[in-house]
Structure formats: C-alpha cells, structure tokens
Amino acid sequence: MTEGIIAALVSAAAAIIVGILEHRKTVTVVEFRLKELEDKVDKHNKLVERVYKLEKDQEILSREVHASRRREPRYPVKECQNNENFIS
C-alpha cells in the first residue's frame, strides 16, 4: 500500500514540475511575441505621425500657393513672330 502512495506522490510531483516548466516556457513565448507586437505598433504609429505631418505640410503649402496666385496679377502671354513668349 505504501508503494502505491509513494508512486502516486512521485507521479504528482512530476506532473507539477512539468506543469511549472511548461508554464514558464509559455510565459516566455508570450512575452517575446508581445514585445514583437509592441515594436510593430511603434513603427506603425511613427508612420502615421509622419503621414499626418506630411498632410499638414501639404495643406499649408497648398494654401500658400493659392494665396500667392491671388496676389500675382495675371497677364496673357502672346507669341512673337520669332516664337518667343513675352508678357504684354
């Protein structure tokens, strides 16, 4: 009877040790994958910030172009006989 109890205790101890080792392995893999995902999210966020800045700069430049077109007088361009353009 004592041999059965000892065998059961050894089996239980082995199961607990294997469970702890598997848990550590799983935690390590999850931490690694989480770190990789965080790196990808950081890269994506930097890209989004850069695109937002580019769009903002483009809007500012577009407004400046429209404003400069309103300030500049528009003259018709006529062709000379020798095919040179000049402002009349």
Protein backbone atom coordinates (compact mmCIF):
# COMPACT_ATOMS: atom_id res chain seq x y z
CA MET A 1 0.00 0.00 0.00
CA THR A 2 2.82 2.38 0.82
CA GLU A 3 4.37 1.63 -2.57
CA GLY A 4 1.16 2.84 -4.25
CA ILE A 5 1.15 6.05 -2.23
CA ILE A 6 4.81 6.72 -2.99
CA ALA A 7 4.22 6.08 -6.70
CA ALA A 8 1.24 8.45 -6.65
CA LEU A 9 3.26 11.17 -4.86
CA VAL A 10 6.14 10.81 -7.34
CA SER A 11 3.72 11.00 -10.27
CA ALA A 12 2.01 14.07 -8.76
CA ALA A 13 5.36 15.76 -8.13
CA ALA A 14 6.49 15.03 -11.70
CA ALA A 15 3.21 16.41 -13.08
CA ILE A 16 3.58 19.60 -11.02
CA ILE A 17 7.20 20.09 -12.14
CA VAL A 18 6.30 19.53 -15.80
CA GLY A 19 3.36 21.95 -15.44
CA ILE A 20 5.60 24.64 -13.94
CA LEU A 21 8.20 24.21 -16.67
CA GLU A 22 5.58 24.36 -19.43
CA HIS A 23 4.06 27.45 -17.83
CA ARG A 24 7.46 29.20 -17.81
CA LYS A 25 8.01 28.29 -21.45
CA THR A 26 4.57 29.60 -22.40
CA VAL A 27 5.13 32.85 -20.49
CA THR A 28 8.48 33.34 -22.24
CA VAL A 29 6.93 32.84 -25.68
CA VAL A 30 4.03 35.18 -24.90
CA GLU A 31 6.40 37.87 -23.62
CA PHE A 32 8.53 37.56 -26.77
CA ARG A 33 5.52 37.79 -29.07
CA LEU A 34 4.13 40.73 -27.10
CA LYS A 35 7.46 42.58 -27.44
CA GLU A 36 7.48 41.94 -31.20
CA LEU A 37 3.91 43.23 -31.47
CA GLU A 38 4.78 46.35 -29.48
CA ASP A 39 7.67 47.04 -31.86
CA LYS A 40 5.37 46.70 -34.87
CA VAL A 41 2.80 49.02 -33.29
CA ASP A 42 5.51 51.59 -32.56
CA LYS A 43 6.68 51.50 -36.18
CA HIS A 44 3.09 51.88 -37.38
CA ASN A 45 2.43 54.80 -35.04
CA LYS A 46 5.59 56.58 -36.22
CA LEU A 47 4.47 56.11 -39.81
CA VAL A 48 1.01 57.50 -39.02
CA GLU A 49 2.60 60.52 -37.33
CA ARG A 50 4.85 61.13 -40.34
CA VAL A 51 1.93 60.87 -42.77
CA TYR A 52 -0.11 63.27 -40.61
CA LYS A 53 2.77 65.77 -40.65
CA LEU A 54 3.15 65.41 -44.43
CA GLU A 55 -0.57 66.01 -44.93
CA LYS A 56 -0.43 69.08 -42.70
CA ASP A 57 2.62 70.44 -44.56
CA GLN A 58 0.91 69.78 -47.89
CA GLU A 59 -2.17 71.69 -46.74
CA ILE A 60 -0.04 74.66 -45.66
CA LEU A 61 1.84 74.68 -48.97
CA SER A 62 -1.41 74.41 -50.89
CA ARG A 63 -2.81 77.43 -49.04
CA GLU A 64 0.39 79.38 -49.72
CA VAL A 65 0.18 78.57 -53.44
CA HIS A 66 -3.46 79.67 -53.61
CA ALA A 67 -2.65 82.86 -51.71
CA SER A 68 0.29 83.68 -54.00
CA ARG A 69 -1.89 83.12 -57.06
CA ARG A 70 -4.39 85.64 -55.74
CA ARG A 71 -1.63 88.22 -55.13
CA GLU A 72 0.05 87.92 -58.52
CA PRO A 73 -1.57 89.71 -61.47
CA ARG A 74 -2.30 87.53 -64.44
CA TYR A 75 -1.02 88.68 -67.78
CA PRO A 76 -1.84 86.99 -71.05
CA VAL A 77 1.11 85.54 -72.88
CA LYS A 78 1.33 86.30 -76.60
CA GLU A 79 3.67 84.82 -79.16
CA CYS A 80 6.11 86.95 -81.11
CA GLN A 81 6.91 86.39 -84.70
CA ASN A 82 10.10 84.62 -83.74
CA ASN A 83 8.12 82.26 -81.40
CA GLU A 84 9.44 83.80 -78.18
CA ASN A 85 6.92 84.28 -75.43
CA PHE A 86 6.63 87.68 -73.84
CA ILE A 87 4.26 89.38 -71.44
CA SER A 88 2.10 92.08 -72.96
